[in-house]
Amino acid sequence: MSTFTVQGSFQARDGQQNFETAIEAPNEDVAIERTYAEFGSKHALKRTQIEITEVQA
């Protein structure tokens, strides 16, 4: 599994909040899915409230 760095922003109560996180995944698509799942769980967000701008291996 590779480590991917995912960057983006999500809709917080006080506006947009930027983030950068490291996700272990077999490919880029799975890394994006895990990012949606992680931020949705931690911050009670829907996928439409999370915007991923960049994924790097």
PDB file of N, CA and C in Angstrom:
ATOM      1  N   MET A   1       0.834  -1.181   0.000  1.00  0.00           N
ATOM      2  CA  MET A   1       0.000   0.000   0.000  1.00  0.00           C
ATOM      3  C   MET A   1       0.877   1.242   0.000  1.00  0.00           C
ATOM      4  N   SER A   2       0.427   2.242  -0.711  1.00  0.00           N
ATOM      5  CA  SER A   2       1.147   3.508  -0.794  1.00  0.00           C
ATOM      6  C   SER A   2       0.511   4.520   0.143  1.00  0.00           C
ATOM      7  N   THR A   3       1.279   5.534   0.480  1.00  0.00           N
ATOM      8  CA  THR A   3       0.749   6.638   1.273  1.00  0.00           C
ATOM      9  C   THR A   3       0.469   7.797   0.334  1.00  0.00           C
ATOM     10  N   PHE A   4      -0.761   8.282   0.356  1.00  0.00           N
ATOM     11  CA  PHE A   4      -1.178   9.399  -0.478  1.00  0.00           C
ATOM     12  C   PHE A   4      -1.409  10.619   0.404  1.00  0.00           C
ATOM     13  N   THR A   5      -1.010  11.779  -0.089  1.00  0.00           N
ATOM     14  CA  THR A   5      -1.289  13.039   0.589  1.00  0.00           C
ATOM     15  C   THR A   5      -2.488  13.665  -0.111  1.00  0.00           C
ATOM     16  N   VAL A   6      -3.558  13.873   0.650  1.00  0.00           N
ATOM     17  CA  VAL A   6      -4.795  14.414   0.103  1.00  0.00           C
ATOM     18  C   VAL A   6      -4.982  15.819   0.658  1.00  0.00           C
ATOM     19  N   GLN A   7      -5.209  16.786  -0.243  1.00  0.00           N
ATOM     20  CA  GLN A   7      -5.428  18.172   0.154  1.00  0.00           C
ATOM     21  C   GLN A   7      -6.805  18.609  -0.313  1.00  0.00           C
ATOM     22  N   GLY A   8      -7.400  19.514   0.446  1.00  0.00           N
ATOM     23  CA  GLY A   8      -8.701  20.030   0.069  1.00  0.00           C
ATOM     24  C   GLY A   8      -9.255  20.938   1.141  1.00  0.00           C
ATOM     25  N   SER A   9     -10.579  21.080   1.139  1.00  0.00           N
ATOM     26  CA  SER A   9     -11.241  21.914   2.137  1.00  0.00           C
ATOM     27  C   SER A   9     -12.607  21.319   2.438  1.00  0.00           C
ATOM     28  N   PHE A  10     -13.144  21.700   3.582  1.00  0.00           N
ATOM     29  CA  PHE A  10     -14.488  21.259   3.934  1.00  0.00           C
ATOM     30  C   PHE A  10     -15.248  22.415   4.553  1.00  0.00           C
ATOM     31  N   GLN A  11     -16.559  22.289   4.526  1.00  0.00           N
ATOM     32  CA  GLN A  11     -17.433  23.344   5.009  1.00  0.00           C
ATOM     33  C   GLN A  11     -17.572  23.222   6.527  1.00  0.00           C
ATOM     34  N   ALA A  12     -16.953  24.167   7.243  1.00  0.00           N
ATOM     35  CA  ALA A  12     -17.040  24.198   8.700  1.00  0.00           C
ATOM     36  C   ALA A  12     -18.102  25.225   9.107  1.00  0.00           C
ATOM     37  N   ARG A  13     -18.371  25.302  10.380  1.00  0.00           N
ATOM     38  CA  ARG A  13     -19.382  26.246  10.870  1.00  0.00           C
ATOM     39  C   ARG A  13     -19.005  27.698  10.608  1.00  0.00           C
ATOM     40  N   ASP A  14     -17.698  27.977  10.633  1.00  0.00           N
ATOM     41  CA  ASP A  14     -17.240  29.359  10.454  1.00  0.00           C
ATOM     42  C   ASP A  14     -16.646  29.599   9.069  1.00  0.00           C
ATOM     43  N   GLY A  15     -17.023  28.820   8.071  1.00  0.00           N
ATOM     44  CA  GLY A  15     -16.526  28.995   6.710  1.00  0.00           C
ATOM     45  C   GLY A  15     -15.771  27.774   6.232  1.00  0.00           C
ATOM     46  N   GLN A  16     -14.995  27.945   5.181  1.00  0.00           N
ATOM     47  CA  GLN A  16     -14.211  26.848   4.627  1.00  0.00           C
ATOM     48  C   GLN A  16     -12.962  26.607   5.459  1.00  0.00           C
ATOM     49  N   GLN A  17     -12.654  25.347   5.715  1.00  0.00           N
ATOM     50  CA  GLN A  17     -11.470  24.955   6.475  1.00  0.00           C
ATOM     51  C   GLN A  17     -10.603  24.080   5.575  1.00  0.00           C
ATOM     52  N   ASN A  18      -9.349  24.470   5.383  1.00  0.00           N
ATOM     53  CA  ASN A  18      -8.422  23.692   4.560  1.00  0.00           C
ATOM     54  C   ASN A  18      -7.878  22.509   5.349  1.00  0.00           C
ATOM     55  N   PHE A  19      -7.503  21.448   4.628  1.00  0.00           N
ATOM     56  CA  PHE A  19      -6.901  20.296   5.289  1.00  0.00           C
ATOM     57  C   PHE A  19      -5.862  19.652   4.384  1.00  0.00           C
ATOM     58  N   GLU A  20      -4.976  18.907   5.004  1.00  0.00           N
ATOM     59  CA  GLU A  20      -4.004  18.058   4.315  1.00  0.00           C
ATOM     60  C   GLU A  20      -3.821  16.837   5.194  1.00  0.00           C
ATOM     61  N   THR A  21      -4.029  15.654   4.638  1.00  0.00           N
ATOM     62  CA  THR A  21      -3.947  14.439   5.422  1.00  0.00           C
ATOM     63  C   THR A  21      -3.225  13.346   4.640  1.00  0.00           C
ATOM     64  N   ALA A  22      -2.597  12.435   5.357  1.00  0.00           N
ATOM     65  CA  ALA A  22      -1.914  11.293   4.743  1.00  0.00           C
ATOM     66  C   ALA A  22      -2.802  10.064   4.908  1.00  0.00           C
ATOM     67  N   ILE A  23      -3.072   9.379   3.804  1.00  0.00           N
ATOM     68  CA  ILE A  23      -3.949   8.213   3.793  1.00  0.00           C
ATOM     69  C   ILE A  23      -3.203   7.043   3.157  1.00  0.00           C
ATOM     70  N   GLU A  24      -3.230   5.879   3.795  1.00  0.00           N
ATOM     71  CA  GLU A  24      -2.650   4.668   3.199  1.00  0.00           C
ATOM     72  C   GLU A  24      -3.731   3.969   2.390  1.00  0.00           C
ATOM     73  N   ALA A  25      -3.427   3.714   1.118  1.00  0.00           N
ATOM     74  CA  ALA A  25      -4.401   3.074   0.240  1.00  0.00           C
ATOM     75  C   ALA A  25      -3.676   2.403  -0.925  1.00  0.00           C
ATOM     76  N   PRO A  26      -4.321   1.415  -1.552  1.00  0.00           N
ATOM     77  CA  PRO A  26      -3.692   0.745  -2.689  1.00  0.00           C
ATOM     78  C   PRO A  26      -3.649   1.598  -3.959  1.00  0.00           C
ATOM     79  N   ASN A  27      -4.607   2.538  -4.105  1.00  0.00           N
ATOM     80  CA  ASN A  27      -4.590   3.424  -5.269  1.00  0.00           C
ATOM     81  C   ASN A  27      -5.261   4.760  -4.933  1.00  0.00           C
ATOM     82  N   GLU A  28      -5.220   5.686  -5.892  1.00  0.00           N
ATOM     83  CA  GLU A  28      -5.705   7.049  -5.668  1.00  0.00           C
ATOM     84  C   GLU A  28      -7.209   7.096  -5.389  1.00  0.00           C
ATOM     85  N   ASP A  29      -7.986   6.289  -6.103  1.00  0.00           N
ATOM     86  CA  ASP A  29      -9.440   6.287  -5.915  1.00  0.00           C
ATOM     87  C   ASP A  29      -9.825   5.848  -4.503  1.00  0.00           C
ATOM     88  N   VAL A  30      -9.153   4.845  -3.989  1.00  0.00           N
ATOM     89  CA  VAL A  30      -9.433   4.367  -2.632  1.00  0.00           C
ATOM     90  C   VAL A  30      -9.016   5.426  -1.609  1.00  0.00           C
ATOM     91  N   ALA A  31      -7.924   6.133  -1.872  1.00  0.00           N
ATOM     92  CA  ALA A  31      -7.480   7.203  -0.974  1.00  0.00           C
ATOM     93  C   ALA A  31      -8.531   8.303  -0.889  1.00  0.00           C
ATOM     94  N   ILE A  32      -9.142   8.639  -2.013  1.00  0.00           N
ATOM     95  CA  ILE A  32     -10.199   9.659  -2.027  1.00  0.00           C
ATOM     96  C   ILE A  32     -11.406   9.173  -1.232  1.00  0.00           C
ATOM     97  N   GLU A  33     -11.811   7.931  -1.445  1.00  0.00           N
ATOM     98  CA  GLU A  33     -12.957   7.371  -0.722  1.00  0.00           C
ATOM     99  C   GLU A  33     -12.707   7.352   0.784  1.00  0.00           C
ATOM    100  N   ARG A  34     -11.510   6.963   1.195  1.00  0.00           N
ATOM    101  CA  ARG A  34     -11.185   6.921   2.626  1.00  0.00           C
ATOM    102  C   ARG A  34     -11.156   8.321   3.226  1.00  0.00           C
ATOM    103  N   THR A  35     -10.748   9.311   2.445  1.00  0.00           N
ATOM    104  CA  THR A  35     -10.762  10.699   2.920  1.00  0.00           C
ATOM    105  C   THR A  35     -12.194  11.153   3.167  1.00  0.00           C
ATOM    106  N   TYR A  36     -13.085  10.878   2.214  1.00  0.00           N
ATOM    107  CA  TYR A  36     -14.500  11.213   2.407  1.00  0.00           C
ATOM    108  C   TYR A  36     -15.049  10.527   3.659  1.00  0.00           C
ATOM    109  N   ALA A  37     -14.742   9.260   3.845  1.00  0.00           N
ATOM    110  CA  ALA A  37     -15.247   8.504   4.992  1.00  0.00           C
ATOM    111  C   ALA A  37     -14.705   9.057   6.305  1.00  0.00           C
ATOM    112  N   GLU A  38     -13.401   9.363   6.336  1.00  0.00           N
ATOM    113  CA  GLU A  38     -12.768   9.859   7.560  1.00  0.00           C
ATOM    114  C   GLU A  38     -13.313  11.231   7.968  1.00  0.00           C
ATOM    115  N   PHE A  39     -13.370  12.159   7.019  1.00  0.00           N
ATOM    116  CA  PHE A  39     -13.840  13.501   7.356  1.00  0.00           C
ATOM    117  C   PHE A  39     -15.341  13.520   7.615  1.00  0.00           C
ATOM    118  N   GLY A  40     -16.085  12.695   6.904  1.00  0.00           N
ATOM    119  CA  GLY A  40     -17.517  12.599   7.163  1.00  0.00           C
ATOM    120  C   GLY A  40     -17.792  12.088   8.563  1.00  0.00           C
ATOM    121  N   SER A  41     -16.999  11.132   9.009  1.00  0.00           N
ATOM    122  CA  SER A  41     -17.163  10.553  10.336  1.00  0.00           C
ATOM    123  C   SER A  41     -16.725  11.513  11.439  1.00  0.00           C
ATOM    124  N   LYS A  42     -15.552  12.107  11.286  1.00  0.00           N
ATOM    125  CA  LYS A  42     -15.002  12.978  12.330  1.00  0.00           C
ATOM    126  C   LYS A  42     -15.760  14.293  12.479  1.00  0.00           C
ATOM    127  N   HIS A  43     -16.217  14.855  11.349  1.00  0.00           N
ATOM    128  CA  HIS A  43     -16.801  16.193  11.369  1.00  0.00           C
ATOM    129  C   HIS A  43     -18.290  16.210  11.018  1.00  0.00           C
ATOM    130  N   ALA A  44     -18.902  15.051  10.904  1.00  0.00           N
ATOM    131  CA  ALA A  44     -20.327  14.920  10.573  1.00  0.00           C
ATOM    132  C   ALA A  44     -20.664  15.687   9.297  1.00  0.00           C
ATOM    133  N   LEU A  45     -19.889  15.407   8.228  1.00  0.00           N
ATOM    134  CA  LEU A  45     -20.068  16.086   6.950  1.00  0.00           C
ATOM    135  C   LEU A  45     -20.589  15.121   5.898  1.00  0.00           C
ATOM    136  N   LYS A  46     -21.281  15.673   4.914  1.00  0.00           N
ATOM    137  CA  LYS A  46     -21.675  14.902   3.747  1.00  0.00           C
ATOM    138  C   LYS A  46     -20.607  15.088   2.678  1.00  0.00           C
ATOM    139  N   ARG A  47     -20.579  14.198   1.715  1.00  0.00           N
ATOM    140  CA  ARG A  47     -19.569  14.263   0.657  1.00  0.00           C
ATOM    141  C   ARG A  47     -19.626  15.577  -0.117  1.00  0.00           C
ATOM    142  N   THR A  48     -20.804  16.152  -0.248  1.00  0.00           N
ATOM    143  CA  THR A  48     -20.931  17.414  -0.982  1.00  0.00           C
ATOM    144  C   THR A  48     -20.297  18.580  -0.231  1.00  0.00           C
ATOM    145  N   GLN A  49     -20.032  18.414   1.062  1.00  0.00           N
ATOM    146  CA  GLN A  49     -19.420  19.465   1.868  1.00  0.00           C
ATOM    147  C   GLN A  49     -17.899  19.348   1.904  1.00  0.00           C
ATOM    148  N   ILE A  50     -17.347  18.326   1.256  1.00  0.00           N
ATOM    149  CA  ILE A  50     -15.901  18.100   1.231  1.00  0.00           C
ATOM    150  C   ILE A  50     -15.420  18.274  -0.204  1.00  0.00           C
ATOM    151  N   GLU A  51     -14.418  19.123  -0.393  1.00  0.00           N
ATOM    152  CA  GLU A  51     -13.857  19.352  -1.723  1.00  0.00           C
ATOM    153  C   GLU A  51     -12.388  18.933  -1.718  1.00  0.00           C
ATOM    154  N   ILE A  52     -12.061  17.931  -2.511  1.00  0.00           N
ATOM    155  CA  ILE A  52     -10.680  17.454  -2.617  1.00  0.00           C
ATOM    156  C   ILE A  52     -10.051  18.125  -3.830  1.00  0.00           C
ATOM    157  N   THR A  53      -8.930  18.818  -3.597  1.00  0.00           N
ATOM    158  CA  THR A  53      -8.289  19.570  -4.673  1.00  0.00           C
ATOM    159  C   THR A  53      -7.081  18.862  -5.263  1.00  0.00           C
ATOM    160  N   GLU A  54      -6.379  18.047  -4.460  1.00  0.00           N
ATOM    161  CA  GLU A  54      -5.153  17.423  -4.956  1.00  0.00           C
ATOM    162  C   GLU A  54      -4.867  16.123  -4.215  1.00  0.00           C
ATOM    163  N   VAL A  55      -4.391  15.135  -4.957  1.00  0.00           N
ATOM    164  CA  VAL A  55      -3.965  13.857  -4.382  1.00  0.00           C
ATOM    165  C   VAL A  55      -2.578  13.556  -4.939  1.00  0.00           C
ATOM    166  N   GLN A  56      -1.607  13.342  -4.039  1.00  0.00           N
ATOM    167  CA  GLN A  56      -0.235  13.043  -4.452  1.00  0.00           C
ATOM    168  C   GLN A  56       0.196  11.709  -3.862  1.00  0.00           C
ATOM    169  N   ALA A  57       0.933  10.946  -4.645  1.00  0.00           N
ATOM    170  CA  ALA A  57       1.439   9.657  -4.170  1.00  0.00           C
ATOM    171  C   ALA A  57       2.660   9.851  -3.309  1.00  0.00           C
TER     172      ALA A  57
END
